[in-house]
ModelCIF file with pLDDT and N, C-alpha, C, O atoms, coordinates in Angstrom:
data_MODEL
#
_entry.id   MODEL 
#
_entity.id                         1 
_entity.type                       polymer 
_entity.pdbx_number_of_molecules   1 
#
_entity_poly.entity_id                      1 
_entity_poly.type                           'polypeptide(L)' 
_entity_poly.nstd_linkage                   no 
_entity_poly.nstd_monomer                   no 
_entity_poly.pdbx_seq_one_letter_code       KELVFVYENFSPESFPLAVDSPVPSLFVLEVPAGF 
_entity_poly.pdbx_seq_one_letter_code_can   KELVFVYENFSPESFPLAVDSPVPSLFVLEVPAGF 
_entity_poly.pdbx_strand_id                 A 
#
loop_
_entity_poly_seq.entity_id 
_entity_poly_seq.num 
_entity_poly_seq.mon_id 
_entity_poly_seq.hetero 
1 1  LYS n 
1 2  GLU n 
1 3  LEU n 
1 4  VAL n 
1 5  PHE n 
1 6  VAL n 
1 7  TYR n 
1 8  GLU n 
1 9  ASN n 
1 10 PHE n 
1 11 SER n 
1 12 PRO n 
1 13 GLU n 
1 14 SER n 
1 15 PHE n 
1 16 PRO n 
1 17 LEU n 
1 18 ALA n 
1 19 VAL n 
1 20 ASP n 
1 21 SER n 
1 22 PRO n 
1 23 VAL n 
1 24 PRO n 
1 25 SER n 
1 26 LEU n 
1 27 PHE n 
1 28 VAL n 
1 29 LEU n 
1 30 GLU n 
1 31 VAL n 
1 32 PRO n 
1 33 ALA n 
1 34 GLY n 
1 35 PHE n 
#
_struct_asym.id          A 
_struct_asym.entity_id   1 
#
loop_
_ma_qa_metric.id 
_ma_qa_metric.mode 
_ma_qa_metric.name 
_ma_qa_metric.software_group_id 
_ma_qa_metric.type 
1 global pLDDT . pLDDT 
2 local  pLDDT . pLDDT 
#
_ma_qa_metric_global.metric_id      1 
_ma_qa_metric_global.metric_value   97.46 
_ma_qa_metric_global.model_id       1 
_ma_qa_metric_global.ordinal_id     1 
#
loop_
_ma_qa_metric_local.label_asym_id 
_ma_qa_metric_local.label_comp_id 
_ma_qa_metric_local.label_seq_id 
_ma_qa_metric_local.metric_id 
_ma_qa_metric_local.metric_value 
_ma_qa_metric_local.model_id 
_ma_qa_metric_local.ordinal_id 
A LYS 1  2 98.00 1 1  
A GLU 2  2 98.00 1 2  
A LEU 3  2 98.00 1 3  
A VAL 4  2 98.00 1 4  
A PHE 5  2 98.00 1 5  
A VAL 6  2 98.00 1 6  
A TYR 7  2 98.00 1 7  
A GLU 8  2 98.00 1 8  
A ASN 9  2 98.00 1 9  
A PHE 10 2 98.00 1 10 
A SER 11 2 97.00 1 11 
A PRO 12 2 97.00 1 12 
A GLU 13 2 97.00 1 13 
A SER 14 2 97.00 1 14 
A PHE 15 2 96.00 1 15 
A PRO 16 2 95.00 1 16 
A LEU 17 2 95.00 1 17 
A ALA 18 2 97.00 1 18 
A VAL 19 2 97.00 1 19 
A ASP 20 2 97.00 1 20 
A SER 21 2 98.00 1 21 
A PRO 22 2 97.00 1 22 
A VAL 23 2 96.00 1 23 
A PRO 24 2 97.00 1 24 
A SER 25 2 98.00 1 25 
A LEU 26 2 98.00 1 26 
A PHE 27 2 98.00 1 27 
A VAL 28 2 98.00 1 28 
A LEU 29 2 98.00 1 29 
A GLU 30 2 98.00 1 30 
A VAL 31 2 98.00 1 31 
A PRO 32 2 98.00 1 32 
A ALA 33 2 98.00 1 33 
A GLY 34 2 98.00 1 34 
A PHE 35 2 98.00 1 35 
#
loop_
_atom_site.group_PDB 
_atom_site.id 
_atom_site.type_symbol 
_atom_site.label_atom_id 
_atom_site.label_alt_id 
_atom_site.label_comp_id 
_atom_site.label_asym_id 
_atom_site.label_entity_id 
_atom_site.label_seq_id 
_atom_site.pdbx_PDB_ins_code 
_atom_site.Cartn_x 
_atom_site.Cartn_y 
_atom_site.Cartn_z 
_atom_site.occupancy 
_atom_site.B_iso_or_equiv 
_atom_site.pdbx_formal_charge 
_atom_site.auth_seq_id 
_atom_site.auth_comp_id 
_atom_site.auth_asym_id 
_atom_site.auth_atom_id 
_atom_site.pdbx_PDB_model_num 
ATOM 1   N N  . LYS A 1 1  ? 10.046 58.392 -46.111 1.00 98.00 ? 1  LYS A N  1 
ATOM 2   C CA . LYS A 1 1  ? 10.445 57.114 -45.517 1.00 98.00 ? 1  LYS A CA 1 
ATOM 3   C C  . LYS A 1 1  ? 9.587  55.950 -46.025 1.00 98.00 ? 1  LYS A C  1 
ATOM 4   O O  . LYS A 1 1  ? 9.367  54.970 -45.313 1.00 98.00 ? 1  LYS A O  1 
ATOM 5   N N  . GLU A 1 2  ? 9.107  56.075 -47.265 1.00 98.00 ? 2  GLU A N  1 
ATOM 6   C CA . GLU A 1 2  ? 8.357  54.999 -47.917 1.00 98.00 ? 2  GLU A CA 1 
ATOM 7   C C  . GLU A 1 2  ? 9.310  54.194 -48.800 1.00 98.00 ? 2  GLU A C  1 
ATOM 8   O O  . GLU A 1 2  ? 10.126 54.767 -49.521 1.00 98.00 ? 2  GLU A O  1 
ATOM 9   N N  . LEU A 1 3  ? 9.207  52.886 -48.743 1.00 98.00 ? 3  LEU A N  1 
ATOM 10  C CA . LEU A 1 3  ? 10.046 52.020 -49.558 1.00 98.00 ? 3  LEU A CA 1 
ATOM 11  C C  . LEU A 1 3  ? 9.681  52.199 -51.033 1.00 98.00 ? 3  LEU A C  1 
ATOM 12  O O  . LEU A 1 3  ? 8.532  52.008 -51.429 1.00 98.00 ? 3  LEU A O  1 
ATOM 13  N N  . VAL A 1 4  ? 10.692 52.574 -51.845 1.00 98.00 ? 4  VAL A N  1 
ATOM 14  C CA . VAL A 1 4  ? 10.436 52.836 -53.266 1.00 98.00 ? 4  VAL A CA 1 
ATOM 15  C C  . VAL A 1 4  ? 11.119 51.842 -54.202 1.00 98.00 ? 4  VAL A C  1 
ATOM 16  O O  . VAL A 1 4  ? 10.739 51.731 -55.368 1.00 98.00 ? 4  VAL A O  1 
ATOM 17  N N  . PHE A 1 5  ? 12.132 51.113 -53.699 1.00 98.00 ? 5  PHE A N  1 
ATOM 18  C CA . PHE A 1 5  ? 12.828 50.154 -54.557 1.00 98.00 ? 5  PHE A CA 1 
ATOM 19  C C  . PHE A 1 5  ? 13.582 49.155 -53.693 1.00 98.00 ? 5  PHE A C  1 
ATOM 20  O O  . PHE A 1 5  ? 14.053 49.492 -52.607 1.00 98.00 ? 5  PHE A O  1 
ATOM 21  N N  . VAL A 1 6  ? 13.692 47.925 -54.181 1.00 98.00 ? 6  VAL A N  1 
ATOM 22  C CA . VAL A 1 6  ? 14.396 46.849 -53.472 1.00 98.00 ? 6  VAL A CA 1 
ATOM 23  C C  . VAL A 1 6  ? 15.283 46.100 -54.465 1.00 98.00 ? 6  VAL A C  1 
ATOM 24  O O  . VAL A 1 6  ? 14.877 45.829 -55.595 1.00 98.00 ? 6  VAL A O  1 
ATOM 25  N N  . TYR A 1 7  ? 16.493 45.770 -54.030 1.00 98.00 ? 7  TYR A N  1 
ATOM 26  C CA . TYR A 1 7  ? 17.369 44.874 -54.791 1.00 98.00 ? 7  TYR A CA 1 
ATOM 27  C C  . TYR A 1 7  ? 17.747 43.742 -53.845 1.00 98.00 ? 7  TYR A C  1 
ATOM 28  O O  . TYR A 1 7  ? 18.425 43.959 -52.841 1.00 98.00 ? 7  TYR A O  1 
ATOM 29  N N  . GLU A 1 8  ? 17.303 42.535 -54.173 1.00 98.00 ? 8  GLU A N  1 
ATOM 30  C CA . GLU A 1 8  ? 17.510 41.396 -53.278 1.00 98.00 ? 8  GLU A CA 1 
ATOM 31  C C  . GLU A 1 8  ? 18.745 40.585 -53.645 1.00 98.00 ? 8  GLU A C  1 
ATOM 32  O O  . GLU A 1 8  ? 19.137 40.490 -54.809 1.00 98.00 ? 8  GLU A O  1 
ATOM 33  N N  . ASN A 1 9  ? 19.347 40.000 -52.604 1.00 98.00 ? 9  ASN A N  1 
ATOM 34  C CA . ASN A 1 9  ? 20.458 39.061 -52.733 1.00 98.00 ? 9  ASN A CA 1 
ATOM 35  C C  . ASN A 1 9  ? 21.612 39.617 -53.571 1.00 98.00 ? 9  ASN A C  1 
ATOM 36  O O  . ASN A 1 9  ? 22.082 38.971 -54.508 1.00 98.00 ? 9  ASN A O  1 
ATOM 37  N N  . PHE A 1 10 ? 22.049 40.797 -53.225 1.00 98.00 ? 10 PHE A N  1 
ATOM 38  C CA . PHE A 1 10 ? 23.181 41.456 -53.882 1.00 98.00 ? 10 PHE A CA 1 
ATOM 39  C C  . PHE A 1 10 ? 24.443 40.786 -53.363 1.00 98.00 ? 10 PHE A C  1 
ATOM 40  O O  . PHE A 1 10 ? 24.726 40.840 -52.166 1.00 98.00 ? 10 PHE A O  1 
ATOM 41  N N  . SER A 1 11 ? 25.201 40.156 -54.248 1.00 97.00 ? 11 SER A N  1 
ATOM 42  C CA . SER A 1 11 ? 26.327 39.330 -53.807 1.00 97.00 ? 11 SER A CA 1 
ATOM 43  C C  . SER A 1 11 ? 27.676 40.023 -53.999 1.00 97.00 ? 11 SER A C  1 
ATOM 44  O O  . SER A 1 11 ? 27.821 40.869 -54.881 1.00 97.00 ? 11 SER A O  1 
ATOM 45  N N  . PRO A 1 12 ? 28.661 39.665 -53.176 1.00 97.00 ? 12 PRO A N  1 
ATOM 46  C CA . PRO A 1 12 ? 30.006 40.241 -53.297 1.00 97.00 ? 12 PRO A CA 1 
ATOM 47  C C  . PRO A 1 12 ? 30.623 40.005 -54.673 1.00 97.00 ? 12 PRO A C  1 
ATOM 48  O O  . PRO A 1 12 ? 31.417 40.818 -55.146 1.00 97.00 ? 12 PRO A O  1 
ATOM 49  N N  . GLU A 1 13 ? 30.265 38.907 -55.307 1.00 97.00 ? 13 GLU A N  1 
ATOM 50  C CA . GLU A 1 13 ? 30.827 38.583 -56.619 1.00 97.00 ? 13 GLU A CA 1 
ATOM 51  C C  . GLU A 1 13 ? 30.390 39.563 -57.708 1.00 97.00 ? 13 GLU A C  1 
ATOM 52  O O  . GLU A 1 13 ? 30.964 39.570 -58.797 1.00 97.00 ? 13 GLU A O  1 
ATOM 53  N N  . SER A 1 14 ? 29.392 40.379 -57.427 1.00 97.00 ? 14 SER A N  1 
ATOM 54  C CA . SER A 1 14 ? 28.886 41.336 -58.415 1.00 97.00 ? 14 SER A CA 1 
ATOM 55  C C  . SER A 1 14 ? 29.802 42.552 -58.589 1.00 97.00 ? 14 SER A C  1 
ATOM 56  O O  . SER A 1 14 ? 29.681 43.281 -59.574 1.00 97.00 ? 14 SER A O  1 
ATOM 57  N N  . PHE A 1 15 ? 30.722 42.774 -57.631 1.00 96.00 ? 15 PHE A N  1 
ATOM 58  C CA . PHE A 1 15 ? 31.607 43.935 -57.715 1.00 96.00 ? 15 PHE A CA 1 
ATOM 59  C C  . PHE A 1 15 ? 32.388 43.897 -59.019 1.00 96.00 ? 15 PHE A C  1 
ATOM 60  O O  . PHE A 1 15 ? 32.930 42.843 -59.352 1.00 96.00 ? 15 PHE A O  1 
ATOM 61  N N  . PRO A 1 16 ? 32.476 44.975 -59.770 1.00 95.00 ? 16 PRO A N  1 
ATOM 62  C CA . PRO A 1 16 ? 32.235 46.375 -59.444 1.00 95.00 ? 16 PRO A CA 1 
ATOM 63  C C  . PRO A 1 16 ? 30.843 46.911 -59.841 1.00 95.00 ? 16 PRO A C  1 
ATOM 64  O O  . PRO A 1 16 ? 30.651 48.126 -59.878 1.00 95.00 ? 16 PRO A O  1 
ATOM 65  N N  . LEU A 1 17 ? 29.897 46.050 -60.129 1.00 95.00 ? 17 LEU A N  1 
ATOM 66  C CA . LEU A 1 17 ? 28.548 46.503 -60.446 1.00 95.00 ? 17 LEU A CA 1 
ATOM 67  C C  . LEU A 1 17 ? 27.985 47.335 -59.294 1.00 95.00 ? 17 LEU A C  1 
ATOM 68  O O  . LEU A 1 17 ? 28.159 46.985 -58.126 1.00 95.00 ? 17 LEU A O  1 
ATOM 69  N N  . ALA A 1 18 ? 27.319 48.423 -59.621 1.00 97.00 ? 18 ALA A N  1 
ATOM 70  C CA . ALA A 1 18 ? 26.605 49.229 -58.629 1.00 97.00 ? 18 ALA A CA 1 
ATOM 71  C C  . ALA A 1 18 ? 25.128 49.180 -58.981 1.00 97.00 ? 18 ALA A C  1 
ATOM 72  O O  . ALA A 1 18 ? 24.768 49.221 -60.157 1.00 97.00 ? 18 ALA A O  1 
ATOM 73  N N  . VAL A 1 19 ? 24.271 49.093 -57.976 1.00 97.00 ? 19 VAL A N  1 
ATOM 74  C CA . VAL A 1 19 ? 22.831 49.114 -58.212 1.00 97.00 ? 19 VAL A CA 1 
ATOM 75  C C  . VAL A 1 19 ? 22.250 50.385 -57.609 1.00 97.00 ? 19 VAL A C  1 
ATOM 76  O O  . VAL A 1 19 ? 22.778 50.933 -56.642 1.00 97.00 ? 19 VAL A O  1 
ATOM 77  N N  . ASP A 1 20 ? 21.161 50.835 -58.196 1.00 97.00 ? 20 ASP A N  1 
ATOM 78  C CA . ASP A 1 20 ? 20.559 52.089 -57.776 1.00 97.00 ? 20 ASP A CA 1 
ATOM 79  C C  . ASP A 1 20 ? 19.061 52.008 -57.989 1.00 97.00 ? 20 ASP A C  1 
ATOM 80  O O  . ASP A 1 20 ? 18.576 51.237 -58.817 1.00 97.00 ? 20 ASP A O  1 
ATOM 81  N N  . SER A 1 21 ? 18.349 52.799 -57.246 1.00 98.00 ? 21 SER A N  1 
ATOM 82  C CA . SER A 1 21 ? 16.907 52.898 -57.397 1.00 98.00 ? 21 SER A CA 1 
ATOM 83  C C  . SER A 1 21 ? 16.584 53.799 -58.585 1.00 98.00 ? 21 SER A C  1 
ATOM 84  O O  . SER A 1 21 ? 17.220 54.837 -58.765 1.00 98.00 ? 21 SER A O  1 
ATOM 85  N N  . PRO A 1 22 ? 15.602 53.411 -59.396 1.00 97.00 ? 22 PRO A N  1 
ATOM 86  C CA . PRO A 1 22 ? 15.170 54.304 -60.474 1.00 97.00 ? 22 PRO A CA 1 
ATOM 87  C C  . PRO A 1 22 ? 14.348 55.484 -59.939 1.00 97.00 ? 22 PRO A C  1 
ATOM 88  O O  . PRO A 1 22 ? 14.054 56.431 -60.668 1.00 97.00 ? 22 PRO A O  1 
ATOM 89  N N  . VAL A 1 23 ? 13.987 55.410 -58.659 1.00 96.00 ? 23 VAL A N  1 
ATOM 90  C CA . VAL A 1 23 ? 13.197 56.444 -58.001 1.00 96.00 ? 23 VAL A CA 1 
ATOM 91  C C  . VAL A 1 23 ? 14.113 57.163 -56.997 1.00 96.00 ? 23 VAL A C  1 
ATOM 92  O O  . VAL A 1 23 ? 14.857 56.500 -56.274 1.00 96.00 ? 23 VAL A O  1 
ATOM 93  N N  . PRO A 1 24 ? 14.076 58.513 -56.937 1.00 97.00 ? 24 PRO A N  1 
ATOM 94  C CA . PRO A 1 24 ? 14.922 59.213 -55.968 1.00 97.00 ? 24 PRO A CA 1 
ATOM 95  C C  . PRO A 1 24 ? 14.688 58.712 -54.543 1.00 97.00 ? 24 PRO A C  1 
ATOM 96  O O  . PRO A 1 24 ? 13.574 58.348 -54.164 1.00 97.00 ? 24 PRO A O  1 
ATOM 97  N N  . SER A 1 25 ? 15.765 58.705 -53.772 1.00 98.00 ? 25 SER A N  1 
ATOM 98  C CA . SER A 1 25 ? 15.686 58.227 -52.387 1.00 98.00 ? 25 SER A CA 1 
ATOM 99  C C  . SER A 1 25 ? 16.493 59.152 -51.479 1.00 98.00 ? 25 SER A C  1 
ATOM 100 O O  . SER A 1 25 ? 17.333 59.926 -51.936 1.00 98.00 ? 25 SER A O  1 
ATOM 101 N N  . LEU A 1 26 ? 16.216 59.049 -50.185 1.00 98.00 ? 26 LEU A N  1 
ATOM 102 C CA . LEU A 1 26 ? 16.956 59.796 -49.179 1.00 98.00 ? 26 LEU A CA 1 
ATOM 103 C C  . LEU A 1 26 ? 17.664 58.852 -48.208 1.00 98.00 ? 26 LEU A C  1 
ATOM 104 O O  . LEU A 1 26 ? 18.670 59.211 -47.597 1.00 98.00 ? 26 LEU A O  1 
ATOM 105 N N  . PHE A 1 27 ? 17.123 57.640 -48.079 1.00 98.00 ? 27 PHE A N  1 
ATOM 106 C CA . PHE A 1 27 ? 17.657 56.628 -47.167 1.00 98.00 ? 27 PHE A CA 1 
ATOM 107 C C  . PHE A 1 27 ? 17.878 55.329 -47.929 1.00 98.00 ? 27 PHE A C  1 
ATOM 108 O O  . PHE A 1 27 ? 17.080 54.963 -48.792 1.00 98.00 ? 27 PHE A O  1 
ATOM 109 N N  . VAL A 1 28 ? 18.968 54.634 -47.604 1.00 98.00 ? 28 VAL A N  1 
ATOM 110 C CA . VAL A 1 28 ? 19.225 53.303 -48.151 1.00 98.00 ? 28 VAL A CA 1 
ATOM 111 C C  . VAL A 1 28 ? 19.519 52.391 -46.968 1.00 98.00 ? 28 VAL A C  1 
ATOM 112 O O  . VAL A 1 28 ? 20.339 52.715 -46.108 1.00 98.00 ? 28 VAL A O  1 
ATOM 113 N N  . LEU A 1 29 ? 18.849 51.260 -46.936 1.00 98.00 ? 29 LEU A N  1 
ATOM 114 C CA . LEU A 1 29 ? 19.019 50.299 -45.847 1.00 98.00 ? 29 LEU A CA 1 
ATOM 115 C C  . LEU A 1 29 ? 19.582 48.993 -46.393 1.00 98.00 ? 29 LEU A C  1 
ATOM 116 O O  . LEU A 1 29 ? 19.027 48.408 -47.323 1.00 98.00 ? 29 LEU A O  1 
ATOM 117 N N  . GLU A 1 30 ? 20.689 48.541 -45.809 1.00 98.00 ? 30 GLU A N  1 
ATOM 118 C CA . GLU A 1 30 ? 21.271 47.251 -46.153 1.00 98.00 ? 30 GLU A CA 1 
ATOM 119 C C  . GLU A 1 30 ? 20.957 46.278 -45.026 1.00 98.00 ? 30 GLU A C  1 
ATOM 120 O O  . GLU A 1 30 ? 21.231 46.550 -43.857 1.00 98.00 ? 30 GLU A O  1 
ATOM 121 N N  . VAL A 1 31 ? 20.380 45.143 -45.395 1.00 98.00 ? 31 VAL A N  1 
ATOM 122 C CA . VAL A 1 31 ? 19.999 44.101 -44.438 1.00 98.00 ? 31 VAL A CA 1 
ATOM 123 C C  . VAL A 1 31 ? 20.504 42.754 -44.956 1.00 98.00 ? 31 VAL A C  1 
ATOM 124 O O  . VAL A 1 31 ? 20.863 42.643 -46.128 1.00 98.00 ? 31 VAL A O  1 
ATOM 125 N N  . PRO A 1 32 ? 20.537 41.731 -44.100 1.00 98.00 ? 32 PRO A N  1 
ATOM 126 C CA . PRO A 1 32 ? 21.008 40.425 -44.566 1.00 98.00 ? 32 PRO A CA 1 
ATOM 127 C C  . PRO A 1 32 ? 20.177 39.915 -45.748 1.00 98.00 ? 32 PRO A C  1 
ATOM 128 O O  . PRO A 1 32 ? 18.969 40.144 -45.809 1.00 98.00 ? 32 PRO A O  1 
ATOM 129 N N  . ALA A 1 33 ? 20.825 39.231 -46.671 1.00 98.00 ? 33 ALA A N  1 
ATOM 130 C CA . ALA A 1 33 ? 20.124 38.642 -47.816 1.00 98.00 ? 33 ALA A CA 1 
ATOM 131 C C  . ALA A 1 33 ? 19.004 37.734 -47.321 1.00 98.00 ? 33 ALA A C  1 
ATOM 132 O O  . ALA A 1 33 ? 19.188 36.969 -46.375 1.00 98.00 ? 33 ALA A O  1 
ATOM 133 N N  . GLY A 1 34 ? 17.861 37.820 -47.957 1.00 98.00 ? 34 GLY A N  1 
ATOM 134 C CA . GLY A 1 34 ? 16.710 37.015 -47.587 1.00 98.00 ? 34 GLY A CA 1 
ATOM 135 C C  . GLY A 1 34 ? 15.729 37.744 -46.690 1.00 98.00 ? 34 GLY A C  1 
ATOM 136 O O  . GLY A 1 34 ? 14.598 37.291 -46.515 1.00 98.00 ? 34 GLY A O  1 
ATOM 137 N N  . PHE A 1 35 ? 16.147 38.873 -46.115 1.00 98.00 ? 35 PHE A N  1 
ATOM 138 C CA . PHE A 1 35 ? 15.301 39.632 -45.195 1.00 98.00 ? 35 PHE A CA 1 
ATOM 139 C C  . PHE A 1 35 ? 13.983 40.038 -45.850 1.00 98.00 ? 35 PHE A C  1 
ATOM 140 O O  . PHE A 1 35 ? 13.150 40.684 -45.213 1.00 98.00 ? 35 PHE A O  1 
#
């Protein structure tokens, strides 16, 4: 449960781009942009 990667301000206009952590993860948290 340690934060290993962050992608900030991911916008709807980016679709169909997908972003991913270069480090393996078990949990992904989506929060409002700017958080």
